[in-house]
């Protein structure tokens, strides 16, 4: 399910009604708990938060085109709501912390890739855990982790 939207509000209005409330609550949870210094907007056709090119001119260099450095995005996919946290992908201690904490906050098995957490039951999203995850890494720490990972390549 690909949603084509110019802005976050437009994106949310296109989400199926049964997911709209939990998706909005997830977005608001992130927005309320993320560290200062992130820009809110659409990136990779998803609502999210990133470090702008004005704040980090080197940007994300995964492709030949330099884009803002993504930190966390959410999307309504065909069968689930997805949370993409680049810090977990790049920083093993944060990833491991989340994997260890998840069972304490949810009766459902964690469905996760390297940076993507899939919530197939939108009414069971562990918002307290997501709030803690959102505040776990500062913007400066995310840039440091990103640059350390680039240097390893």
N, C-alpha and C. Protein backbone atom coordinates (compact mmCIF):
# COMPACT_ATOMS: atom_id res chain seq x y z
N UNK A 1 0.85 -1.17 0.00
CA UNK A 1 0.00 0.00 0.00
C UNK A 1 0.89 1.23 0.00
N UNK A 2 0.89 1.95 -1.08
CA UNK A 2 1.68 3.16 -1.18
C UNK A 2 0.74 4.36 -1.14
N UNK A 3 1.01 5.26 -0.22
CA UNK A 3 0.22 6.48 -0.11
C UNK A 3 1.04 7.60 -0.71
N UNK A 4 0.47 8.28 -1.65
CA UNK A 4 1.11 9.45 -2.25
C UNK A 4 0.53 10.69 -1.59
N UNK A 5 1.37 11.41 -0.87
CA UNK A 5 0.91 12.59 -0.15
C UNK A 5 1.98 13.67 -0.19
N UNK A 6 1.53 14.90 -0.22
CA UNK A 6 2.43 16.06 -0.21
C UNK A 6 2.86 16.44 1.20
N UNK A 7 1.99 16.13 2.18
CA UNK A 7 2.29 16.51 3.55
C UNK A 7 1.74 15.46 4.51
N UNK A 8 2.07 15.61 5.76
CA UNK A 8 1.70 14.60 6.77
C UNK A 8 0.19 14.51 6.93
N UNK A 9 -0.49 15.64 7.00
CA UNK A 9 -1.94 15.61 7.18
C UNK A 9 -2.62 14.90 6.01
N UNK A 10 -2.17 15.16 4.81
CA UNK A 10 -2.71 14.48 3.64
C UNK A 10 -2.46 12.97 3.72
N UNK A 11 -1.30 12.59 4.18
CA UNK A 11 -0.96 11.18 4.35
C UNK A 11 -1.95 10.52 5.33
N UNK A 12 -2.14 11.16 6.47
CA UNK A 12 -3.00 10.59 7.50
C UNK A 12 -4.44 10.44 7.02
N UNK A 13 -4.93 11.38 6.25
CA UNK A 13 -6.31 11.27 5.76
C UNK A 13 -6.49 10.10 4.79
N UNK A 14 -5.41 9.60 4.22
CA UNK A 14 -5.50 8.48 3.28
C UNK A 14 -5.33 7.11 3.94
N UNK A 15 -5.01 7.10 5.21
CA UNK A 15 -4.86 5.85 5.95
C UNK A 15 -6.25 5.24 6.17
N UNK A 16 -6.38 3.92 6.06
CA UNK A 16 -7.68 3.30 6.35
C UNK A 16 -8.18 3.72 7.74
N UNK A 17 -9.45 3.94 7.84
CA UNK A 17 -10.05 4.50 9.06
C UNK A 17 -9.70 3.71 10.32
N UNK A 18 -9.65 2.37 10.21
CA UNK A 18 -9.37 1.56 11.41
C UNK A 18 -7.93 1.73 11.92
N UNK A 19 -7.06 2.29 11.10
CA UNK A 19 -5.67 2.52 11.53
C UNK A 19 -5.36 3.98 11.82
N UNK A 20 -6.25 4.85 11.43
CA UNK A 20 -5.95 6.29 11.51
C UNK A 20 -5.67 6.74 12.95
N UNK A 21 -6.49 6.33 13.90
CA UNK A 21 -6.29 6.77 15.29
C UNK A 21 -4.99 6.24 15.88
N UNK A 22 -4.70 4.92 15.78
CA UNK A 22 -3.41 4.47 16.34
C UNK A 22 -2.20 5.06 15.61
N UNK A 23 -2.32 5.27 14.30
CA UNK A 23 -1.23 5.87 13.55
C UNK A 23 -0.97 7.29 14.05
N UNK A 24 -2.03 8.05 14.21
CA UNK A 24 -1.91 9.43 14.69
C UNK A 24 -1.34 9.46 16.10
N UNK A 25 -1.77 8.52 16.95
CA UNK A 25 -1.23 8.47 18.31
C UNK A 25 0.26 8.12 18.28
N UNK A 26 0.65 7.21 17.40
CA UNK A 26 2.07 6.86 17.26
C UNK A 26 2.87 8.08 16.81
N UNK A 27 2.36 8.79 15.83
CA UNK A 27 3.04 9.99 15.34
C UNK A 27 3.18 11.03 16.45
N UNK A 28 2.08 11.26 17.17
CA UNK A 28 2.11 12.23 18.27
C UNK A 28 3.06 11.80 19.39
N UNK A 29 3.13 10.50 19.66
CA UNK A 29 4.05 9.98 20.67
C UNK A 29 5.49 10.29 20.27
N UNK A 30 5.81 10.03 19.01
CA UNK A 30 7.15 10.34 18.53
C UNK A 30 7.44 11.83 18.65
N UNK A 31 6.52 12.63 18.13
CA UNK A 31 6.71 14.08 18.10
C UNK A 31 6.92 14.65 19.50
N UNK A 32 6.23 14.10 20.48
CA UNK A 32 6.33 14.59 21.86
C UNK A 32 7.59 14.13 22.58
N UNK A 33 8.25 13.11 22.08
CA UNK A 33 9.36 12.52 22.82
C UNK A 33 10.71 12.57 22.12
N UNK A 34 10.73 12.95 20.87
CA UNK A 34 11.99 13.02 20.14
C UNK A 34 12.85 14.17 20.63
N UNK A 35 14.16 14.05 20.50
CA UNK A 35 15.05 15.14 20.93
C UNK A 35 14.90 16.36 20.02
N UNK A 36 15.31 17.50 20.54
CA UNK A 36 15.29 18.73 19.75
C UNK A 36 16.30 18.60 18.61
N UNK A 37 16.04 19.32 17.53
CA UNK A 37 16.99 19.37 16.42
C UNK A 37 16.55 18.55 15.22
N UNK A 38 15.40 17.90 15.30
CA UNK A 38 14.90 17.13 14.17
C UNK A 38 13.84 17.94 13.43
N UNK A 39 13.76 17.72 12.14
CA UNK A 39 12.76 18.37 11.30
C UNK A 39 11.65 17.37 11.03
N UNK A 40 10.44 17.85 11.08
CA UNK A 40 9.26 17.01 10.84
C UNK A 40 8.84 17.20 9.38
N UNK A 41 8.52 16.10 8.73
CA UNK A 41 8.05 16.23 7.36
C UNK A 41 7.96 14.89 6.65
N UNK A 42 7.73 14.96 5.36
CA UNK A 42 7.64 13.76 4.53
C UNK A 42 9.03 13.46 3.98
N UNK A 43 9.45 12.21 4.13
CA UNK A 43 10.73 11.76 3.61
C UNK A 43 10.54 10.31 3.16
N UNK A 44 10.90 10.02 1.93
CA UNK A 44 10.71 8.68 1.36
C UNK A 44 9.23 8.29 1.35
N UNK A 45 8.37 9.25 1.06
CA UNK A 45 6.92 9.04 0.98
C UNK A 45 6.30 8.61 2.30
N UNK A 46 6.94 8.97 3.41
CA UNK A 46 6.43 8.63 4.74
C UNK A 46 6.58 9.83 5.67
N UNK A 47 5.66 9.97 6.62
CA UNK A 47 5.85 10.98 7.65
C UNK A 47 7.03 10.58 8.54
N UNK A 48 7.76 11.57 8.97
CA UNK A 48 8.87 11.25 9.85
C UNK A 48 9.63 12.45 10.34
N UNK A 49 10.77 12.14 10.89
CA UNK A 49 11.63 13.15 11.50
C UNK A 49 13.06 12.89 11.03
N UNK A 50 13.75 13.94 10.67
CA UNK A 50 15.08 13.81 10.08
C UNK A 50 15.92 15.03 10.43
N UNK A 51 17.21 14.92 10.14
CA UNK A 51 18.12 16.05 10.32
C UNK A 51 18.24 16.73 8.96
N UNK A 52 17.86 17.97 8.92
CA UNK A 52 17.83 18.70 7.66
C UNK A 52 19.24 18.93 7.11
N UNK A 53 19.31 19.21 5.83
CA UNK A 53 20.59 19.51 5.19
C UNK A 53 21.18 20.82 5.72
N UNK A 54 20.33 21.71 6.20
CA UNK A 54 20.84 22.95 6.80
C UNK A 54 21.60 22.65 8.09
N UNK A 55 21.10 21.66 8.85
CA UNK A 55 21.73 21.30 10.11
C UNK A 55 22.86 20.29 9.96
N UNK A 56 22.80 19.49 8.91
CA UNK A 56 23.83 18.49 8.64
C UNK A 56 24.02 18.41 7.12
N UNK A 57 24.83 19.32 6.58
CA UNK A 57 24.98 19.44 5.12
C UNK A 57 25.48 18.17 4.42
N UNK A 58 26.18 17.31 5.14
CA UNK A 58 26.66 16.07 4.52
C UNK A 58 25.49 15.17 4.15
N UNK A 59 24.43 15.21 4.94
CA UNK A 59 23.22 14.46 4.65
C UNK A 59 23.41 12.95 4.58
N UNK A 60 22.37 12.30 4.14
CA UNK A 60 22.35 10.85 3.98
C UNK A 60 22.94 10.52 2.62
N UNK A 61 23.95 9.66 2.61
CA UNK A 61 24.69 9.41 1.38
C UNK A 61 24.59 7.97 0.91
N UNK A 62 23.45 7.33 1.14
CA UNK A 62 23.30 5.94 0.72
C UNK A 62 23.25 5.83 -0.80
N UNK A 63 22.73 6.82 -1.43
CA UNK A 63 22.67 6.86 -2.90
C UNK A 63 23.59 7.97 -3.36
N UNK A 64 23.68 8.17 -4.64
CA UNK A 64 24.52 9.26 -5.16
C UNK A 64 23.93 10.62 -4.81
N UNK A 65 22.63 10.67 -4.60
CA UNK A 65 21.96 11.91 -4.24
C UNK A 65 21.99 12.09 -2.71
N UNK A 66 22.40 13.26 -2.25
CA UNK A 66 22.44 13.55 -0.82
C UNK A 66 21.06 14.05 -0.39
N UNK A 67 20.52 13.42 0.64
CA UNK A 67 19.21 13.80 1.16
C UNK A 67 19.34 14.08 2.66
N UNK A 68 18.29 14.66 3.28
CA UNK A 68 18.35 14.84 4.73
C UNK A 68 18.60 13.49 5.42
N UNK A 69 19.23 13.53 6.57
CA UNK A 69 19.57 12.32 7.30
C UNK A 69 18.35 11.81 8.07
N UNK A 70 17.76 10.70 7.62
CA UNK A 70 16.55 10.21 8.28
C UNK A 70 16.86 9.68 9.67
N UNK A 71 15.92 9.85 10.58
CA UNK A 71 16.07 9.31 11.92
C UNK A 71 14.95 8.31 12.22
N UNK A 72 13.71 8.77 12.09
CA UNK A 72 12.58 7.88 12.37
C UNK A 72 11.41 8.24 11.47
N UNK A 73 10.81 7.22 10.88
CA UNK A 73 9.65 7.39 10.01
C UNK A 73 8.59 6.38 10.40
N UNK A 74 7.36 6.67 10.02
CA UNK A 74 6.29 5.70 10.19
C UNK A 74 5.49 5.63 8.90
N UNK A 75 4.91 4.47 8.67
CA UNK A 75 4.14 4.27 7.44
C UNK A 75 2.99 3.31 7.70
N UNK A 76 1.93 3.51 6.95
CA UNK A 76 0.83 2.57 6.95
C UNK A 76 1.04 1.67 5.75
N UNK A 77 1.43 0.43 6.00
CA UNK A 77 1.66 -0.54 4.93
C UNK A 77 0.40 -1.37 4.74
N UNK A 78 0.44 -2.30 3.82
CA UNK A 78 -0.75 -3.09 3.49
C UNK A 78 -1.31 -3.83 4.71
N UNK A 79 -0.45 -4.48 5.48
CA UNK A 79 -0.93 -5.32 6.58
C UNK A 79 -0.48 -4.88 7.96
N UNK A 80 0.13 -3.71 8.06
CA UNK A 80 0.65 -3.28 9.36
C UNK A 80 1.02 -1.80 9.34
N UNK A 81 1.25 -1.27 10.53
CA UNK A 81 1.85 0.05 10.69
C UNK A 81 3.32 -0.20 10.96
N UNK A 82 4.18 0.50 10.24
CA UNK A 82 5.62 0.30 10.38
C UNK A 82 6.28 1.52 11.01
N UNK A 83 7.23 1.25 11.88
CA UNK A 83 8.07 2.28 12.46
C UNK A 83 9.50 1.97 12.02
N UNK A 84 10.14 2.93 11.38
CA UNK A 84 11.52 2.77 10.90
C UNK A 84 12.41 3.66 11.75
N UNK A 85 13.31 3.06 12.50
CA UNK A 85 14.21 3.81 13.38
C UNK A 85 15.64 3.54 12.92
N UNK A 86 16.23 4.50 12.25
CA UNK A 86 17.57 4.32 11.69
C UNK A 86 18.62 4.14 12.79
N UNK A 87 18.37 4.72 13.95
CA UNK A 87 19.31 4.56 15.06
C UNK A 87 19.44 3.12 15.51
N UNK A 88 18.32 2.39 15.49
CA UNK A 88 18.39 0.97 15.87
C UNK A 88 19.15 0.18 14.82
N UNK A 89 19.00 0.55 13.57
CA UNK A 89 19.69 -0.14 12.48
C UNK A 89 21.20 0.03 12.62
N UNK A 90 21.63 1.22 13.00
CA UNK A 90 23.05 1.55 12.99
C UNK A 90 23.74 1.39 14.35
N UNK A 91 22.96 1.28 15.41
CA UNK A 91 23.54 1.28 16.76
C UNK A 91 23.06 0.04 17.51
N UNK A 92 23.91 -0.99 17.54
CA UNK A 92 23.56 -2.28 18.13
C UNK A 92 23.05 -2.18 19.57
N UNK A 93 23.64 -1.35 20.44
CA UNK A 93 23.11 -1.27 21.81
C UNK A 93 21.65 -0.79 21.85
N UNK A 94 21.28 0.15 21.00
CA UNK A 94 19.89 0.61 20.96
C UNK A 94 18.98 -0.48 20.44
N UNK A 95 19.41 -1.17 19.40
CA UNK A 95 18.65 -2.29 18.85
C UNK A 95 18.43 -3.36 19.92
N UNK A 96 19.50 -3.75 20.61
CA UNK A 96 19.40 -4.79 21.63
C UNK A 96 18.52 -4.36 22.79
N UNK A 97 18.65 -3.11 23.19
CA UNK A 97 17.79 -2.58 24.26
C UNK A 97 16.32 -2.74 23.88
N UNK A 98 15.98 -2.36 22.65
CA UNK A 98 14.59 -2.45 22.22
C UNK A 98 14.10 -3.90 22.19
N UNK A 99 14.90 -4.79 21.64
CA UNK A 99 14.54 -6.22 21.59
C UNK A 99 14.31 -6.77 23.00
N UNK A 100 15.16 -6.38 23.94
CA UNK A 100 15.03 -6.86 25.32
C UNK A 100 13.82 -6.26 26.03
N UNK A 101 13.50 -5.02 25.74
CA UNK A 101 12.40 -4.33 26.42
C UNK A 101 11.03 -4.67 25.86
N UNK A 102 10.95 -4.97 24.59
CA UNK A 102 9.66 -5.17 23.93
C UNK A 102 8.75 -6.17 24.65
N UNK A 103 9.25 -7.36 25.03
CA UNK A 103 8.36 -8.32 25.70
C UNK A 103 7.78 -7.82 27.03
N UNK A 104 8.43 -6.85 27.63
CA UNK A 104 7.93 -6.28 28.88
C UNK A 104 6.74 -5.35 28.65
N UNK A 105 6.54 -4.96 27.38
CA UNK A 105 5.51 -3.97 27.04
C UNK A 105 4.42 -4.51 26.12
N UNK A 106 4.58 -5.72 25.65
CA UNK A 106 3.61 -6.26 24.70
C UNK A 106 3.45 -7.77 24.90
N UNK A 107 2.23 -8.25 24.78
CA UNK A 107 2.00 -9.69 24.87
C UNK A 107 2.20 -10.37 23.52
N UNK A 108 2.44 -9.57 22.48
CA UNK A 108 2.65 -10.12 21.14
C UNK A 108 4.13 -10.22 20.82
N UNK A 109 4.46 -11.18 19.98
CA UNK A 109 5.84 -11.39 19.56
C UNK A 109 6.31 -10.17 18.74
N UNK A 110 7.54 -9.79 18.96
CA UNK A 110 8.15 -8.68 18.21
C UNK A 110 8.34 -9.09 16.76
N UNK A 111 7.83 -8.29 15.86
CA UNK A 111 7.98 -8.50 14.41
C UNK A 111 8.86 -7.35 13.92
N UNK A 112 10.14 -7.67 13.68
CA UNK A 112 11.10 -6.60 13.43
C UNK A 112 12.19 -7.03 12.46
N UNK A 113 12.61 -6.09 11.64
CA UNK A 113 13.79 -6.25 10.82
C UNK A 113 14.90 -5.43 11.46
N UNK A 114 15.88 -5.01 10.68
CA UNK A 114 16.99 -4.22 11.23
C UNK A 114 16.55 -2.86 11.75
N UNK A 115 15.69 -2.17 11.01
CA UNK A 115 15.23 -0.86 11.46
C UNK A 115 13.72 -0.76 11.50
N UNK A 116 13.02 -1.75 11.02
CA UNK A 116 11.57 -1.70 10.88
C UNK A 116 10.89 -2.54 11.93
N UNK A 117 9.99 -1.91 12.68
CA UNK A 117 9.13 -2.62 13.62
C UNK A 117 7.74 -2.62 13.00
N UNK A 118 7.17 -3.82 12.86
CA UNK A 118 5.86 -3.96 12.23
C UNK A 118 4.81 -4.22 13.30
N UNK A 119 3.78 -3.37 13.32
CA UNK A 119 2.68 -3.52 14.25
C UNK A 119 1.46 -4.00 13.47
N UNK A 120 1.20 -5.31 13.53
CA UNK A 120 0.06 -5.88 12.81
C UNK A 120 -1.24 -5.68 13.58
N UNK A 121 -1.13 -5.41 14.85
CA UNK A 121 -2.30 -5.14 15.69
C UNK A 121 -2.18 -3.69 16.18
N UNK A 122 -2.73 -2.76 15.42
CA UNK A 122 -2.56 -1.34 15.77
C UNK A 122 -3.05 -0.97 17.17
N UNK A 123 -4.01 -1.73 17.69
CA UNK A 123 -4.51 -1.42 19.02
C UNK A 123 -3.57 -1.93 20.13
N UNK A 124 -2.48 -2.59 19.73
CA UNK A 124 -1.53 -3.13 20.71
C UNK A 124 -0.15 -2.49 20.60
N UNK A 125 -0.06 -1.32 20.02
CA UNK A 125 1.23 -0.63 19.92
C UNK A 125 1.68 -0.21 21.33
N UNK A 126 2.89 -0.56 21.74
CA UNK A 126 3.37 -0.20 23.08
C UNK A 126 3.87 1.25 23.10
N UNK A 127 2.96 2.18 23.26
CA UNK A 127 3.28 3.60 23.15
C UNK A 127 4.32 4.07 24.17
N UNK A 128 4.26 3.54 25.40
CA UNK A 128 5.26 3.95 26.40
C UNK A 128 6.67 3.55 25.97
N UNK A 129 6.80 2.35 25.43
CA UNK A 129 8.10 1.90 24.94
C UNK A 129 8.57 2.74 23.76
N UNK A 130 7.66 3.06 22.86
CA UNK A 130 8.01 3.89 21.70
C UNK A 130 8.44 5.28 22.16
N UNK A 131 7.77 5.81 23.16
CA UNK A 131 8.16 7.12 23.70
C UNK A 131 9.58 7.07 24.25
N UNK A 132 9.91 6.00 24.96
CA UNK A 132 11.26 5.86 25.50
C UNK A 132 12.28 5.69 24.38
N UNK A 133 11.94 4.89 23.38
CA UNK A 133 12.83 4.70 22.23
C UNK A 133 13.09 6.03 21.53
N UNK A 134 12.05 6.83 21.35
CA UNK A 134 12.18 8.11 20.65
C UNK A 134 13.15 9.05 21.36
N UNK A 135 13.19 8.97 22.67
CA UNK A 135 14.04 9.90 23.42
C UNK A 135 15.43 9.33 23.73
N UNK A 136 15.69 8.13 23.29
CA UNK A 136 16.91 7.41 23.68
C UNK A 136 18.19 7.97 23.03
N UNK A 137 18.09 8.56 21.86
CA UNK A 137 19.29 9.00 21.14
C UNK A 137 19.17 10.47 20.74
N UNK A 138 20.17 11.26 21.10
CA UNK A 138 20.18 12.68 20.73
C UNK A 138 20.55 12.83 19.25
N UNK A 139 20.31 14.00 18.73
CA UNK A 139 20.69 14.30 17.35
C UNK A 139 22.21 14.18 17.18
N UNK A 140 22.97 14.72 18.11
CA UNK A 140 24.43 14.62 18.02
C UNK A 140 24.90 13.17 18.06
N UNK A 141 24.28 12.37 18.91
CA UNK A 141 24.64 10.95 18.99
C UNK A 141 24.30 10.24 17.68
N UNK A 142 23.14 10.56 17.09
CA UNK A 142 22.75 9.93 15.83
C UNK A 142 23.75 10.28 14.72
N UNK A 143 24.17 11.52 14.65
CA UNK A 143 25.17 11.91 13.65
C UNK A 143 26.48 11.16 13.90
N UNK A 144 26.90 11.07 15.15
CA UNK A 144 28.13 10.34 15.49
C UNK A 144 28.03 8.88 15.07
N UNK A 145 26.93 8.23 15.39
CA UNK A 145 26.72 6.82 15.02
C UNK A 145 26.72 6.65 13.51
N UNK A 146 26.03 7.55 12.83
CA UNK A 146 25.96 7.49 11.37
C UNK A 146 27.36 7.61 10.76
N UNK A 147 28.13 8.60 11.22
CA UNK A 147 29.47 8.81 10.68
C UNK A 147 30.42 7.66 11.01
N UNK A 148 30.30 7.10 12.20
CA UNK A 148 31.12 5.93 12.57
C UNK A 148 30.81 4.74 11.64
N UNK A 149 29.55 4.56 11.31
CA UNK A 149 29.17 3.47 10.42
C UNK A 149 29.65 3.72 9.00
N UNK A 150 29.65 4.97 8.57
CA UNK A 150 30.17 5.31 7.24
C UNK A 150 31.67 5.01 7.17
N UNK A 151 32.38 5.33 8.23
CA UNK A 151 33.83 5.12 8.25
C UNK A 151 34.20 3.64 8.17
N UNK A 152 33.31 2.76 8.61
CA UNK A 152 33.55 1.32 8.57
C UNK A 152 33.43 0.74 7.16
N UNK A 153 32.76 1.47 6.29
CA UNK A 153 32.52 0.95 4.94
C UNK A 153 33.72 1.09 4.05
